[in-house]
Protein backbone atom coordinates (compact mmCIF):
# COMPACT_ATOMS: atom_id res chain seq x y z
CA MET A 1 0.00 0.00 0.00
CA VAL A 2 1.28 3.45 -0.90
CA ARG A 3 0.78 6.18 1.70
CA LEU A 4 0.30 9.68 0.29
CA PRO A 5 1.38 12.73 2.21
CA ARG A 6 -1.41 14.37 4.23
CA THR A 7 -1.23 17.50 2.08
CA THR A 8 -1.77 15.41 -1.06
CA SER A 9 -4.82 13.68 0.51
CA ALA A 10 -6.31 17.04 1.39
CA LEU A 11 -5.81 18.29 -2.14
CA LEU A 12 -7.47 15.18 -3.57
CA HIS A 13 -10.38 15.65 -1.16
CA VAL A 14 -10.85 19.26 -2.25
CA ALA A 15 -10.63 18.20 -5.91
CA ALA A 16 -13.28 15.54 -5.32
CA LEU A 17 -15.58 18.10 -3.69
CA ALA A 18 -15.04 20.48 -6.59
CA CYS A 19 -15.84 17.73 -9.06
CA ALA A 20 -19.00 16.77 -7.17
CA LEU A 21 -20.05 20.41 -7.02
CA ALA A 22 -19.44 20.83 -10.74
CA THR A 23 -21.49 17.70 -11.43
CA ALA A 24 -24.34 18.99 -9.24
CA LEU A 25 -24.34 22.32 -11.03
CA THR A 26 -24.37 20.53 -14.37
CA CYS A 27 -27.33 18.40 -13.24
CA ALA A 28 -29.14 21.47 -11.96
CA ALA A 29 -28.61 23.25 -15.25
CA SER A 30 -29.85 20.16 -17.08
CA ALA A 31 -32.94 19.99 -14.84
CA GLU A 32 -33.75 23.62 -15.61
CA ALA A 33 -33.50 22.92 -19.35
CA ALA A 34 -37.04 21.62 -19.50
CA ILE A 35 -40.70 22.28 -20.30
CA THR A 36 -42.68 23.29 -17.24
CA PRO A 37 -46.50 23.23 -17.00
CA VAL A 38 -47.91 26.40 -15.46
CA ALA A 39 -51.71 26.44 -15.64
CA PRO A 40 -54.18 25.04 -14.88
CA ALA A 41 -52.45 24.24 -11.61
CA ALA A 42 -52.15 20.57 -10.68
CA ASP A 43 -55.31 18.89 -9.37
CA THR A 44 -57.48 22.01 -9.58
CA GLY A 45 -61.11 22.50 -10.50
CA THR A 46 -62.57 24.87 -13.06
CA LEU A 47 -66.03 25.81 -14.32
CA ARG A 48 -64.64 26.46 -17.78
CA SER A 49 -64.94 23.84 -20.50
CA ASN A 50 -62.23 25.72 -22.40
CA PRO A 51 -59.56 26.36 -19.75
CA VAL A 52 -56.42 28.24 -20.76
CA PHE A 53 -53.41 25.89 -20.80
CA SER A 54 -49.99 27.48 -20.34
CA TRP A 55 -46.39 26.34 -19.89
CA ALA A 56 -42.87 27.73 -19.67
CA THR A 57 -39.73 26.75 -21.56
CA ASP A 58 -36.09 27.71 -21.35
CA GLY A 59 -34.07 28.80 -24.37
CA ASP A 60 -33.11 25.23 -25.21
CA SER A 61 -36.68 23.81 -25.18
CA SER A 62 -39.73 24.07 -27.40
CA VAL A 63 -43.27 22.66 -27.35
CA SER A 64 -44.80 20.99 -30.39
CA SER A 65 -48.13 19.65 -29.11
CA LEU A 66 -50.61 19.57 -26.23
CA GLN A 67 -52.73 16.57 -25.32
CA VAL A 68 -55.73 16.09 -23.04
CA ALA A 69 -57.16 12.65 -22.24
CA ALA A 70 -59.44 10.88 -19.77
CA ASN A 71 -56.55 8.87 -18.26
CA PRO A 72 -52.83 9.54 -17.65
CA ALA A 73 -51.44 6.56 -19.61
CA ILE A 74 -48.82 7.46 -22.20
CA ASP A 75 -48.40 5.47 -25.41
CA PRO A 76 -44.69 4.51 -25.56
CA VAL A 77 -44.76 4.43 -29.35
CA THR A 78 -46.33 7.86 -29.99
CA ASN A 79 -45.29 9.50 -26.69
CA LYS A 80 -48.85 10.82 -26.46
CA LEU A 81 -51.62 10.33 -23.94
CA VAL A 82 -53.73 7.34 -24.90
CA ALA A 83 -56.97 8.24 -26.74
CA PRO A 84 -56.60 12.02 -26.40
CA VAL A 85 -59.72 14.15 -26.82
CA ILE A 86 -57.38 17.02 -27.61
CA ASP A 87 -54.21 16.48 -29.65
CA GLN A 88 -53.26 19.98 -30.70
CA GLY A 89 -50.17 21.07 -32.59
CA ILE A 90 -48.55 24.13 -31.04
CA THR A 91 -46.94 26.95 -33.01
CA ALA A 92 -43.23 27.36 -32.26
CA GLY A 93 -42.68 29.83 -29.44
CA SER A 94 -46.26 29.70 -28.14
CA THR A 95 -46.73 29.20 -24.40
CA THR A 96 -50.55 29.10 -24.18
CA PHE A 97 -53.49 27.35 -25.79
CA THR A 98 -57.25 27.84 -25.33
CA PRO A 99 -59.52 25.10 -26.75
CA GLY A 100 -61.96 26.29 -29.41
CA THR A 101 -65.61 25.31 -29.68
CA ALA A 102 -64.93 21.85 -31.10
CA LEU A 103 -62.37 21.01 -28.40
CA GLN A 104 -64.31 21.97 -25.29
CA LEU A 105 -64.20 19.54 -22.36
CA PHE A 106 -67.17 17.84 -20.73
CA ALA A 107 -67.46 17.84 -16.95
CA GLY A 108 -65.13 15.29 -15.37
CA THR A 109 -61.50 14.52 -14.59
CA TRP A 110 -58.95 15.04 -17.34
CA TYR A 111 -55.17 14.81 -17.72
CA TRP A 112 -53.05 17.16 -19.80
CA ARG A 113 -49.44 17.43 -20.88
CA VAL A 114 -47.27 19.15 -23.45
CA VAL A 115 -44.46 17.56 -25.45
CA GLY A 116 -41.62 18.89 -27.51
CA THR A 117 -37.85 18.88 -27.37
CA THR A 118 -35.09 19.94 -25.00
CA GLY A 119 -31.63 20.27 -26.46
CA GLY A 120 -32.91 18.55 -29.60
CA ALA A 121 -34.03 15.46 -27.69
CA PRO A 122 -37.70 14.46 -27.15
CA ALA A 123 -39.17 15.88 -23.95
CA GLY A 124 -42.56 16.10 -22.29
CA THR A 125 -44.26 16.98 -19.03
CA ASP A 126 -45.85 14.50 -16.66
CA PRO A 127 -49.66 14.27 -16.98
CA ARG A 128 -51.35 16.87 -14.79
CA VAL A 129 -54.90 16.53 -13.42
CA ILE A 130 -57.62 19.05 -14.16
CA ARG A 131 -61.24 18.73 -13.07
CA VAL A 132 -64.03 20.43 -15.00
CA LYS A 133 -66.88 20.96 -12.54
CA PRO A 134 -70.43 20.07 -13.62
CA GLN A 135 -72.73 22.87 -14.71
CA VAL A 136 -76.45 22.40 -15.19
CA ALA A 137 -78.58 25.42 -16.04
CA PRO A 138 -82.27 25.55 -15.00
CA PRO A 139 -84.30 24.54 -18.08
CA ARG A 140 -85.98 27.25 -20.11
CA VAL A 141 -89.62 26.52 -20.89
CA ARG A 142 -92.09 28.35 -23.12
CA LEU A 143 -95.64 27.04 -22.74
CA THR A 144 -98.71 27.18 -24.98
CA ALA A 145 -101.99 25.80 -23.59
CA ALA A 146 -104.92 25.29 -25.99
CA ARG A 147 -108.13 23.26 -26.27
CA LYS A 148 -106.33 20.60 -28.30
CA GLY A 149 -103.63 20.18 -25.63
CA THR A 150 -100.39 21.64 -24.27
CA THR A 151 -97.16 22.36 -26.12
CA GLY A 152 -93.88 23.38 -24.54
CA VAL A 153 -90.60 24.48 -26.09
CA VAL A 154 -87.75 23.42 -23.80
CA GLN A 155 -84.14 24.58 -23.82
CA LEU A 156 -81.35 22.80 -21.96
CA ARG A 157 -77.70 23.56 -21.30
CA THR A 158 -75.15 21.50 -19.40
CA ASN A 159 -71.47 20.64 -19.72
CA ALA A 160 -72.20 16.98 -18.94
CA ALA A 161 -71.80 14.40 -21.69
CA LYS A 162 -75.06 12.68 -20.68
CA TYR A 163 -78.16 13.75 -18.82
CA LYS A 164 -81.56 12.47 -17.70
CA LEU A 165 -84.66 14.47 -18.42
CA ARG A 166 -88.09 14.08 -16.83
CA VAL A 167 -90.97 15.69 -18.69
CA ARG A 168 -94.38 16.09 -17.00
CA ILE A 169 -97.49 17.74 -18.42
CA LEU A 170 -100.63 18.05 -16.33
CA HIS A 171 -104.10 19.34 -17.15
CA GLY A 172 -105.60 20.22 -13.80
CA ARG A 173 -104.98 17.17 -11.62
CA VAL A 174 -104.76 14.80 -14.56
CA THR A 175 -101.31 13.74 -15.69
CA CYS A 176 -101.23 13.86 -19.48
CA LEU A 177 -97.55 12.95 -19.87
CA ASP A 178 -94.82 11.70 -17.51
CA ARG A 179 -91.71 10.47 -19.27
CA LEU A 180 -88.05 9.95 -18.32
CA LEU A 181 -85.56 10.36 -21.14
CA THR A 182 -81.79 9.99 -21.49
CA GLY A 183 -79.96 12.50 -23.64
CA THR A 184 -76.41 13.17 -24.84
CA ARG A 185 -74.69 16.42 -25.68
CA LYS A 186 -72.15 17.38 -28.32
CA ARG A 187 -68.87 18.98 -27.34
CA THR A 188 -69.40 21.68 -29.93
CA ARG A 189 -72.59 22.77 -28.14
CA ILE A 190 -71.45 22.77 -24.52
CA ALA A 191 -71.88 26.53 -24.25
CA SER A 192 -75.11 26.55 -26.29
CA TRP A 193 -78.75 25.81 -25.48
CA ASP A 194 -80.33 22.70 -27.05
CA ALA A 195 -84.02 23.17 -27.89
CA PHE A 196 -86.82 20.67 -28.49
CA LYS A 197 -90.59 20.40 -28.25
CA VAL A 198 -92.72 18.53 -25.70
CA TYR A 199 -96.48 18.16 -26.00
CA CYS A 200 -99.55 16.21 -25.00
CA TYR A 201 -102.84 16.32 -26.90
CA PRO A 202 -105.59 14.29 -25.17
CA TYR A 203 -108.04 12.48 -27.39
CA LEU A 204 -111.00 14.58 -26.25
CA GLY A 205 -109.03 17.80 -25.90
CA VAL A 206 -108.85 20.03 -22.82
CA THR A 207 -111.73 21.97 -21.27
CA SER A 208 -111.49 25.75 -21.44
CA GLY A 209 -110.31 27.24 -18.16
CA THR A 210 -108.21 24.18 -17.24
CA ARG A 211 -104.86 24.92 -15.60
CA ALA A 212 -102.04 23.41 -17.64
CA LYS A 213 -98.65 22.72 -16.05
CA VAL A 214 -95.32 21.69 -17.58
CA ILE A 215 -92.55 20.47 -15.25
CA ILE A 216 -89.07 19.88 -16.71
CA THR A 217 -86.34 18.30 -14.57
CA ILE A 218 -82.78 17.74 -15.79
CA THR A 219 -80.18 15.72 -13.87
CA ALA A 220 -76.52 15.53 -14.90
CA ASN A 221 -73.35 14.67 -12.95
CA GLY A 222 -75.34 14.54 -9.71
CA VAL A 223 -76.82 18.03 -10.19
CA THR A 224 -80.59 18.49 -10.61
CA ARG A 225 -82.49 21.53 -11.87
CA THR A 226 -86.27 21.88 -12.28
CA THR A 227 -88.41 24.49 -14.02
CA THR A 228 -92.22 24.69 -13.83
CA ARG A 229 -94.53 26.72 -16.07
CA LEU A 230 -98.29 27.30 -15.73
CA ALA A 231 -100.90 28.48 -18.22
CA THR A 232 -104.70 28.51 -18.50
CA VAL A 233 -106.44 26.91 -21.46
CA ALA A 234 -108.42 29.60 -23.29
């Protein structure tokens, strides 16, 4: 065994510390050379079906696409979230993206990430959770009561993908119609009102002076809203 002078050992120890420090600084610099998600913040809720997505990059990184999907699994072949509902190319240098009408998100839990390059090598952020809170507007109802029966024009709006609708029409104390329906919405119409007609025309008609009532109840994502309208048959 060769014994080195104490001064030599001290110098080697200092050199080792310097090397370790240099390595740490290099690793830190490498860690900073990345794509960083900014908003929406991790595991947050929003009422918007078109939340603004944003991220930050250093001078050595760029983003090429943004993906949003119902689960956080990443396809190892494409390096994209599996079955994305949004798979949007991003213009070079852009740091934000707001989904348009066709890319709005239904109420529920979603995962988003951005991918691109860092130092010329493929890079991407870890999937981040975002929750779109359910919104169910009280139904709009326009009612027309006549001797032949009752007609209602109903408008609905919700950010849920599916909903249940109960339609009730009464003439006085007599139930003319009581039906439970299941409906679906289109992503392109999340912010719009869907309209349709409900009616009930009894075989013998309705006596003049009868009180007609239409009750519309919509339930979606555990939220229920009801609207009632009254009219007198002329």
